[in-house]
Each structure stands twice: as structure tokens, then as C-alpha cells.
């Protein structure tokens, strides 16, 4: 909100080399309430850029195949005991995987870990 109590729109910049894709995206964004597309060179609150221009993910943060399996079971609401049974591992190991996922996804709990994973495209519900 500005000084007059009016909510300012979020300014979004689109920096995509593919002209057709850029135009389609700009056309879609121009109709979204609360958003304003930035003019070329104008500072923006958010930028849309191709994924290959983003920094590579930290190798330590990459999820293992087993962690993805545990995450999928967490998304189903499985307890550590149920995860252990389904994967044929000990409850201690299931607990370890859950803790590792919370750390890697910077999550505050199991539900947050699932939500973060969905946002990052690691799992699909």
C-alpha cells in the first residue's frame, strides 16, 4: 500500500528471448488484476526468465530417489511407521528420511515439505 492507502500493483518483467512465447505471456499477464507488466528497462518486483538462466540447484539439496518415494508417501498422509512398512525400512530410517526432507526443502513440518515439493515440481498431486 502507498501513503494514500491504495494497493500498488505488482510489477512483473518478462525477459524471454522467444518473441512468440513472450508476447503470449505478456498478453496473459496484462489482464491479471493487481499485476502490471514492466516497460523494458523498468525495475520490477518479479521477473520471468527461462529456467536455464537460473543458478543450478545446490547438489546437497538434491533429493535422492528414496527421499522422493518418502515424500510421495508423506503426501498421502502416511506416518513414519506406515512409510517404513511400505518401503521395507526401519521406522528410524523413515524418520531420518523425513528429517532430511524437512532440511532440504527448508520446511517447518511434513505438510510444509509436501507443499514446498509441489511448488518446486518435485511431486505432483
N, C-alpha and C. Protein backbone atom coordinates (compact mmCIF):
# COMPACT_ATOMS: atom_id res chain seq x y z
N UNK A 1 0.84 -1.19 0.00
CA UNK A 1 0.00 0.00 0.00
C UNK A 1 0.88 1.25 0.00
N UNK A 2 0.42 2.26 -0.71
CA UNK A 2 1.16 3.51 -0.70
C UNK A 2 0.60 4.42 0.40
N UNK A 3 1.07 5.63 0.45
CA UNK A 3 0.68 6.56 1.52
C UNK A 3 -0.82 6.86 1.54
N UNK A 4 -1.46 6.75 0.39
CA UNK A 4 -2.89 7.07 0.31
C UNK A 4 -3.78 5.87 0.61
N UNK A 5 -3.15 4.72 0.93
CA UNK A 5 -3.92 3.52 1.25
C UNK A 5 -4.30 2.69 0.04
N UNK A 6 -3.81 3.06 -1.14
CA UNK A 6 -4.12 2.32 -2.36
C UNK A 6 -3.06 1.25 -2.56
N UNK A 7 -3.49 0.04 -2.85
CA UNK A 7 -2.56 -1.05 -3.07
C UNK A 7 -1.91 -0.89 -4.44
N UNK A 8 -0.60 -0.89 -4.45
CA UNK A 8 0.15 -0.78 -5.70
C UNK A 8 0.16 -2.14 -6.40
N UNK A 9 0.09 -2.16 -7.73
CA UNK A 9 0.16 -3.44 -8.43
C UNK A 9 1.58 -4.02 -8.35
N UNK A 10 1.66 -5.32 -8.46
CA UNK A 10 2.96 -5.99 -8.54
C UNK A 10 3.47 -5.80 -9.96
N UNK A 11 4.68 -5.29 -10.07
CA UNK A 11 5.27 -5.04 -11.39
C UNK A 11 6.08 -6.27 -11.79
N UNK A 12 5.75 -6.82 -12.96
CA UNK A 12 6.41 -8.04 -13.42
C UNK A 12 7.10 -7.78 -14.76
N UNK A 13 8.35 -8.25 -14.85
CA UNK A 13 9.12 -8.12 -16.08
C UNK A 13 9.20 -9.49 -16.75
N UNK A 14 9.16 -9.50 -18.06
CA UNK A 14 9.29 -10.74 -18.83
C UNK A 14 10.54 -10.61 -19.67
N UNK A 15 11.50 -11.53 -19.45
CA UNK A 15 12.76 -11.50 -20.18
C UNK A 15 12.97 -12.85 -20.85
N UNK A 16 12.20 -13.10 -21.91
CA UNK A 16 12.26 -14.36 -22.63
C UNK A 16 12.61 -14.06 -24.09
N UNK A 17 13.62 -14.73 -24.61
CA UNK A 17 14.11 -14.47 -25.97
C UNK A 17 13.09 -14.88 -27.04
N UNK A 18 12.33 -15.93 -26.81
CA UNK A 18 11.33 -16.41 -27.77
C UNK A 18 10.22 -15.37 -27.86
N UNK A 19 10.18 -14.61 -28.96
CA UNK A 19 9.25 -13.50 -29.10
C UNK A 19 7.79 -13.94 -29.01
N UNK A 20 7.46 -15.06 -29.65
CA UNK A 20 6.07 -15.54 -29.63
C UNK A 20 5.63 -15.90 -28.22
N UNK A 21 6.47 -16.64 -27.52
CA UNK A 21 6.16 -17.02 -26.14
C UNK A 21 6.05 -15.78 -25.25
N UNK A 22 6.98 -14.86 -25.43
CA UNK A 22 6.98 -13.63 -24.65
C UNK A 22 5.68 -12.84 -24.87
N UNK A 23 5.26 -12.72 -26.11
CA UNK A 23 4.04 -11.98 -26.42
C UNK A 23 2.81 -12.66 -25.83
N UNK A 24 2.75 -14.00 -25.92
CA UNK A 24 1.61 -14.73 -25.35
C UNK A 24 1.57 -14.55 -23.84
N UNK A 25 2.74 -14.62 -23.20
CA UNK A 25 2.80 -14.45 -21.75
C UNK A 25 2.40 -13.03 -21.36
N UNK A 26 2.90 -12.05 -22.08
CA UNK A 26 2.55 -10.65 -21.79
C UNK A 26 1.05 -10.42 -21.95
N UNK A 27 0.46 -11.00 -22.98
CA UNK A 27 -0.97 -10.84 -23.21
C UNK A 27 -1.76 -11.46 -22.06
N UNK A 28 -1.31 -12.62 -21.58
CA UNK A 28 -1.99 -13.29 -20.46
C UNK A 28 -1.87 -12.47 -19.19
N UNK A 29 -0.69 -11.94 -18.93
CA UNK A 29 -0.45 -11.20 -17.70
C UNK A 29 -1.13 -9.84 -17.67
N UNK A 30 -1.35 -9.25 -18.84
CA UNK A 30 -1.91 -7.90 -18.88
C UNK A 30 -3.33 -7.84 -18.33
N UNK A 31 -4.04 -8.98 -18.30
CA UNK A 31 -5.42 -9.00 -17.81
C UNK A 31 -5.55 -9.40 -16.34
N UNK A 32 -4.43 -9.68 -15.68
CA UNK A 32 -4.48 -10.15 -14.30
C UNK A 32 -4.59 -8.95 -13.35
N UNK A 33 -5.66 -8.92 -12.55
CA UNK A 33 -5.81 -7.80 -11.60
C UNK A 33 -4.66 -7.80 -10.59
N UNK A 34 -4.17 -6.63 -10.27
CA UNK A 34 -3.10 -6.50 -9.28
C UNK A 34 -1.71 -6.66 -9.86
N UNK A 35 -1.62 -6.92 -11.18
CA UNK A 35 -0.31 -7.03 -11.84
C UNK A 35 -0.19 -5.94 -12.88
N UNK A 36 1.04 -5.50 -13.08
CA UNK A 36 1.34 -4.57 -14.16
C UNK A 36 2.64 -5.02 -14.80
N UNK A 37 2.65 -5.11 -16.12
CA UNK A 37 3.84 -5.53 -16.83
C UNK A 37 4.79 -4.34 -16.94
N UNK A 38 6.06 -4.58 -16.58
CA UNK A 38 7.06 -3.51 -16.61
C UNK A 38 7.44 -3.17 -18.05
N UNK A 39 7.75 -1.92 -18.27
CA UNK A 39 8.29 -1.49 -19.56
C UNK A 39 9.75 -1.94 -19.63
N UNK A 40 10.30 -2.08 -20.83
CA UNK A 40 11.70 -2.51 -20.98
C UNK A 40 12.62 -1.58 -20.19
N UNK A 41 13.46 -2.18 -19.33
CA UNK A 41 14.42 -1.42 -18.54
C UNK A 41 13.87 -0.90 -17.22
N UNK A 42 12.56 -1.00 -17.01
CA UNK A 42 11.95 -0.53 -15.77
C UNK A 42 12.18 -1.55 -14.66
N UNK A 43 12.49 -1.10 -13.43
CA UNK A 43 12.64 -2.05 -12.33
C UNK A 43 11.32 -2.77 -12.08
N UNK A 44 11.42 -4.06 -11.68
CA UNK A 44 10.22 -4.86 -11.45
C UNK A 44 10.32 -5.56 -10.11
N UNK A 45 9.16 -5.95 -9.58
CA UNK A 45 9.11 -6.71 -8.34
C UNK A 45 9.43 -8.19 -8.60
N UNK A 46 9.04 -8.68 -9.78
CA UNK A 46 9.20 -10.08 -10.15
C UNK A 46 9.64 -10.14 -11.61
N UNK A 47 10.50 -11.11 -11.94
CA UNK A 47 10.93 -11.30 -13.32
C UNK A 47 10.67 -12.73 -13.76
N UNK A 48 10.19 -12.89 -14.97
CA UNK A 48 10.01 -14.20 -15.57
C UNK A 48 11.16 -14.39 -16.54
N UNK A 49 11.97 -15.42 -16.27
CA UNK A 49 13.14 -15.70 -17.10
C UNK A 49 13.17 -17.20 -17.42
N UNK A 50 13.85 -17.59 -18.50
CA UNK A 50 13.95 -19.03 -18.79
C UNK A 50 14.66 -19.76 -17.66
N UNK A 51 14.23 -20.99 -17.40
CA UNK A 51 14.79 -21.79 -16.30
C UNK A 51 16.28 -22.03 -16.48
N UNK A 52 16.76 -22.12 -17.72
CA UNK A 52 18.18 -22.41 -17.92
C UNK A 52 19.09 -21.23 -17.56
N UNK A 53 18.49 -20.07 -17.27
CA UNK A 53 19.31 -18.94 -16.84
C UNK A 53 19.41 -18.83 -15.32
N UNK A 54 18.64 -19.69 -14.61
CA UNK A 54 18.68 -19.68 -13.16
C UNK A 54 19.91 -20.42 -12.67
N UNK A 55 20.44 -20.09 -11.49
CA UNK A 55 21.60 -20.81 -10.97
C UNK A 55 21.25 -22.27 -10.71
N UNK A 56 22.21 -23.14 -10.91
CA UNK A 56 22.00 -24.57 -10.69
C UNK A 56 21.67 -24.82 -9.22
N UNK A 57 20.85 -25.81 -8.98
CA UNK A 57 20.49 -26.16 -7.60
C UNK A 57 21.70 -26.71 -6.88
N UNK A 58 21.78 -26.46 -5.60
CA UNK A 58 22.85 -26.96 -4.76
C UNK A 58 22.80 -28.48 -4.76
N UNK A 59 23.91 -29.13 -5.07
CA UNK A 59 23.96 -30.59 -5.14
C UNK A 59 23.56 -31.23 -3.81
N UNK A 60 23.86 -30.58 -2.69
CA UNK A 60 23.49 -31.12 -1.38
C UNK A 60 21.98 -31.11 -1.17
N UNK A 61 21.29 -30.23 -1.89
CA UNK A 61 19.85 -30.11 -1.71
C UNK A 61 19.07 -31.05 -2.63
N UNK A 62 19.75 -31.72 -3.57
CA UNK A 62 19.05 -32.63 -4.48
C UNK A 62 18.48 -33.80 -3.69
N UNK A 63 17.27 -34.20 -4.06
CA UNK A 63 16.62 -35.30 -3.36
C UNK A 63 17.03 -36.63 -3.98
N UNK A 64 17.21 -37.61 -3.13
CA UNK A 64 17.53 -38.95 -3.60
C UNK A 64 16.23 -39.62 -4.06
N UNK A 65 16.38 -40.73 -4.79
CA UNK A 65 15.21 -41.48 -5.25
C UNK A 65 14.37 -41.92 -4.04
N UNK A 66 15.02 -42.37 -3.00
CA UNK A 66 14.32 -42.84 -1.80
C UNK A 66 13.58 -41.68 -1.13
N UNK A 67 14.21 -40.49 -1.07
CA UNK A 67 13.56 -39.34 -0.46
C UNK A 67 12.29 -38.96 -1.24
N UNK A 68 12.34 -39.08 -2.57
CA UNK A 68 11.16 -38.78 -3.38
C UNK A 68 10.06 -39.80 -3.08
N UNK A 69 10.44 -41.06 -2.88
CA UNK A 69 9.45 -42.09 -2.51
C UNK A 69 8.82 -41.75 -1.16
N UNK A 70 9.66 -41.37 -0.20
CA UNK A 70 9.16 -40.99 1.14
C UNK A 70 8.25 -39.78 1.02
N UNK A 71 8.63 -38.82 0.23
CA UNK A 71 7.84 -37.61 0.03
C UNK A 71 6.47 -37.94 -0.55
N UNK A 72 6.42 -38.84 -1.50
CA UNK A 72 5.14 -39.25 -2.09
C UNK A 72 4.24 -39.88 -1.03
N UNK A 73 4.83 -40.69 -0.16
CA UNK A 73 4.04 -41.30 0.91
C UNK A 73 3.60 -40.25 1.93
N UNK A 74 4.47 -39.28 2.21
CA UNK A 74 4.09 -38.18 3.10
C UNK A 74 2.89 -37.42 2.52
N UNK A 75 2.89 -37.24 1.20
CA UNK A 75 1.80 -36.53 0.54
C UNK A 75 0.49 -37.30 0.69
N UNK A 76 0.57 -38.62 0.84
CA UNK A 76 -0.62 -39.44 1.07
C UNK A 76 -1.05 -39.39 2.53
N UNK A 77 -0.22 -38.78 3.38
CA UNK A 77 -0.54 -38.68 4.80
C UNK A 77 0.00 -39.83 5.63
N UNK A 78 0.93 -40.60 5.06
CA UNK A 78 1.48 -41.76 5.77
C UNK A 78 2.35 -41.32 6.95
N UNK A 79 2.23 -42.06 8.05
CA UNK A 79 3.07 -41.83 9.23
C UNK A 79 4.44 -42.45 8.97
N UNK A 80 5.40 -42.16 9.87
CA UNK A 80 6.73 -42.77 9.74
C UNK A 80 6.63 -44.29 9.76
N UNK A 81 5.75 -44.80 10.61
CA UNK A 81 5.57 -46.26 10.72
C UNK A 81 5.02 -46.83 9.41
N UNK A 82 4.05 -46.15 8.82
CA UNK A 82 3.47 -46.60 7.55
C UNK A 82 4.49 -46.50 6.41
N UNK A 83 5.28 -45.43 6.41
CA UNK A 83 6.33 -45.26 5.40
C UNK A 83 7.32 -46.43 5.51
N UNK A 84 7.72 -46.73 6.73
CA UNK A 84 8.67 -47.82 6.97
C UNK A 84 8.12 -49.14 6.44
N UNK A 85 6.87 -49.43 6.76
CA UNK A 85 6.25 -50.68 6.29
C UNK A 85 6.20 -50.76 4.77
N UNK A 86 5.73 -49.66 4.16
CA UNK A 86 5.55 -49.65 2.70
C UNK A 86 6.87 -49.79 1.95
N UNK A 87 7.95 -49.21 2.52
CA UNK A 87 9.24 -49.23 1.83
C UNK A 87 10.17 -50.34 2.32
N UNK A 88 9.73 -51.06 3.34
CA UNK A 88 10.56 -52.14 3.86
C UNK A 88 11.82 -51.65 4.55
N UNK A 89 11.67 -50.53 5.28
CA UNK A 89 12.80 -49.96 6.02
C UNK A 89 12.39 -49.83 7.48
N UNK A 90 13.36 -49.51 8.34
CA UNK A 90 13.03 -49.34 9.75
C UNK A 90 12.35 -47.98 9.97
N UNK A 91 11.62 -47.88 11.07
CA UNK A 91 10.98 -46.61 11.44
C UNK A 91 12.06 -45.54 11.62
N UNK A 92 13.20 -45.93 12.21
CA UNK A 92 14.31 -45.00 12.40
C UNK A 92 14.77 -44.44 11.05
N UNK A 93 14.91 -45.30 10.05
CA UNK A 93 15.35 -44.85 8.72
C UNK A 93 14.29 -43.95 8.08
N UNK A 94 13.02 -44.29 8.24
CA UNK A 94 11.95 -43.45 7.71
C UNK A 94 12.01 -42.06 8.35
N UNK A 95 12.22 -42.05 9.67
CA UNK A 95 12.33 -40.79 10.41
C UNK A 95 13.51 -39.96 9.90
N UNK A 96 14.62 -40.64 9.63
CA UNK A 96 15.82 -39.98 9.10
C UNK A 96 15.51 -39.33 7.75
N UNK A 97 14.82 -40.08 6.85
CA UNK A 97 14.48 -39.54 5.53
C UNK A 97 13.55 -38.33 5.66
N UNK A 98 12.58 -38.41 6.55
CA UNK A 98 11.65 -37.29 6.74
C UNK A 98 12.43 -36.06 7.23
N UNK A 99 13.33 -36.25 8.19
CA UNK A 99 14.14 -35.14 8.69
C UNK A 99 15.01 -34.54 7.60
N UNK A 100 15.58 -35.39 6.77
CA UNK A 100 16.41 -34.93 5.67
C UNK A 100 15.58 -34.11 4.67
N UNK A 101 14.37 -34.56 4.41
CA UNK A 101 13.48 -33.83 3.51
C UNK A 101 13.11 -32.46 4.07
N UNK A 102 12.83 -32.42 5.37
CA UNK A 102 12.49 -31.14 6.00
C UNK A 102 13.65 -30.16 5.86
N UNK A 103 14.88 -30.66 6.05
CA UNK A 103 16.06 -29.80 5.91
C UNK A 103 16.25 -29.34 4.47
N UNK A 104 16.23 -30.29 3.54
CA UNK A 104 16.49 -29.96 2.14
C UNK A 104 15.43 -29.04 1.54
N UNK A 105 14.19 -29.20 1.97
CA UNK A 105 13.11 -28.37 1.45
C UNK A 105 12.88 -27.12 2.29
N UNK A 106 13.70 -26.96 3.34
CA UNK A 106 13.59 -25.82 4.24
C UNK A 106 12.15 -25.69 4.74
N UNK A 107 11.60 -26.83 5.17
CA UNK A 107 10.20 -26.88 5.58
C UNK A 107 10.06 -26.88 7.10
N UNK A 108 8.94 -26.39 7.57
CA UNK A 108 8.68 -26.32 9.01
C UNK A 108 7.99 -27.57 9.53
N UNK A 109 7.52 -28.41 8.63
CA UNK A 109 6.85 -29.64 9.03
C UNK A 109 6.53 -30.49 7.81
N UNK A 110 5.87 -31.60 8.04
CA UNK A 110 5.57 -32.54 6.96
C UNK A 110 4.68 -31.92 5.88
N UNK A 111 3.64 -31.21 6.31
CA UNK A 111 2.73 -30.59 5.35
C UNK A 111 3.45 -29.53 4.54
N UNK A 112 4.28 -28.74 5.20
CA UNK A 112 5.05 -27.71 4.51
C UNK A 112 6.03 -28.34 3.52
N UNK A 113 6.62 -29.46 3.88
CA UNK A 113 7.56 -30.15 2.97
C UNK A 113 6.84 -30.59 1.71
N UNK A 114 5.64 -31.14 1.86
CA UNK A 114 4.86 -31.57 0.70
C UNK A 114 4.50 -30.35 -0.15
N UNK A 115 4.07 -29.27 0.49
CA UNK A 115 3.70 -28.05 -0.25
C UNK A 115 4.91 -27.49 -1.00
N UNK A 116 6.07 -27.46 -0.34
CA UNK A 116 7.29 -26.96 -1.00
C UNK A 116 7.64 -27.82 -2.20
N UNK A 117 7.54 -29.14 -2.04
CA UNK A 117 7.86 -30.07 -3.12
C UNK A 117 6.93 -29.89 -4.31
N UNK A 118 5.66 -29.65 -4.03
CA UNK A 118 4.70 -29.41 -5.11
C UNK A 118 5.06 -28.11 -5.83
N UNK A 119 5.35 -27.06 -5.07
CA UNK A 119 5.72 -25.77 -5.68
C UNK A 119 6.96 -25.90 -6.55
N UNK A 120 7.92 -26.74 -6.11
CA UNK A 120 9.17 -26.91 -6.86
C UNK A 120 9.05 -27.93 -7.98
N UNK A 121 7.89 -28.56 -8.10
CA UNK A 121 7.68 -29.53 -9.16
C UNK A 121 8.32 -30.89 -8.90
N UNK A 122 8.70 -31.14 -7.66
CA UNK A 122 9.32 -32.43 -7.31
C UNK A 122 8.27 -33.54 -7.33
N UNK A 123 7.08 -33.23 -6.84
CA UNK A 123 5.96 -34.18 -6.88
C UNK A 123 4.74 -33.46 -7.42
N UNK A 124 3.80 -34.23 -7.93
CA UNK A 124 2.56 -33.67 -8.46
C UNK A 124 1.39 -34.36 -7.78
N UNK A 125 0.48 -33.58 -7.26
CA UNK A 125 -0.69 -34.14 -6.57
C UNK A 125 -1.87 -34.23 -7.51
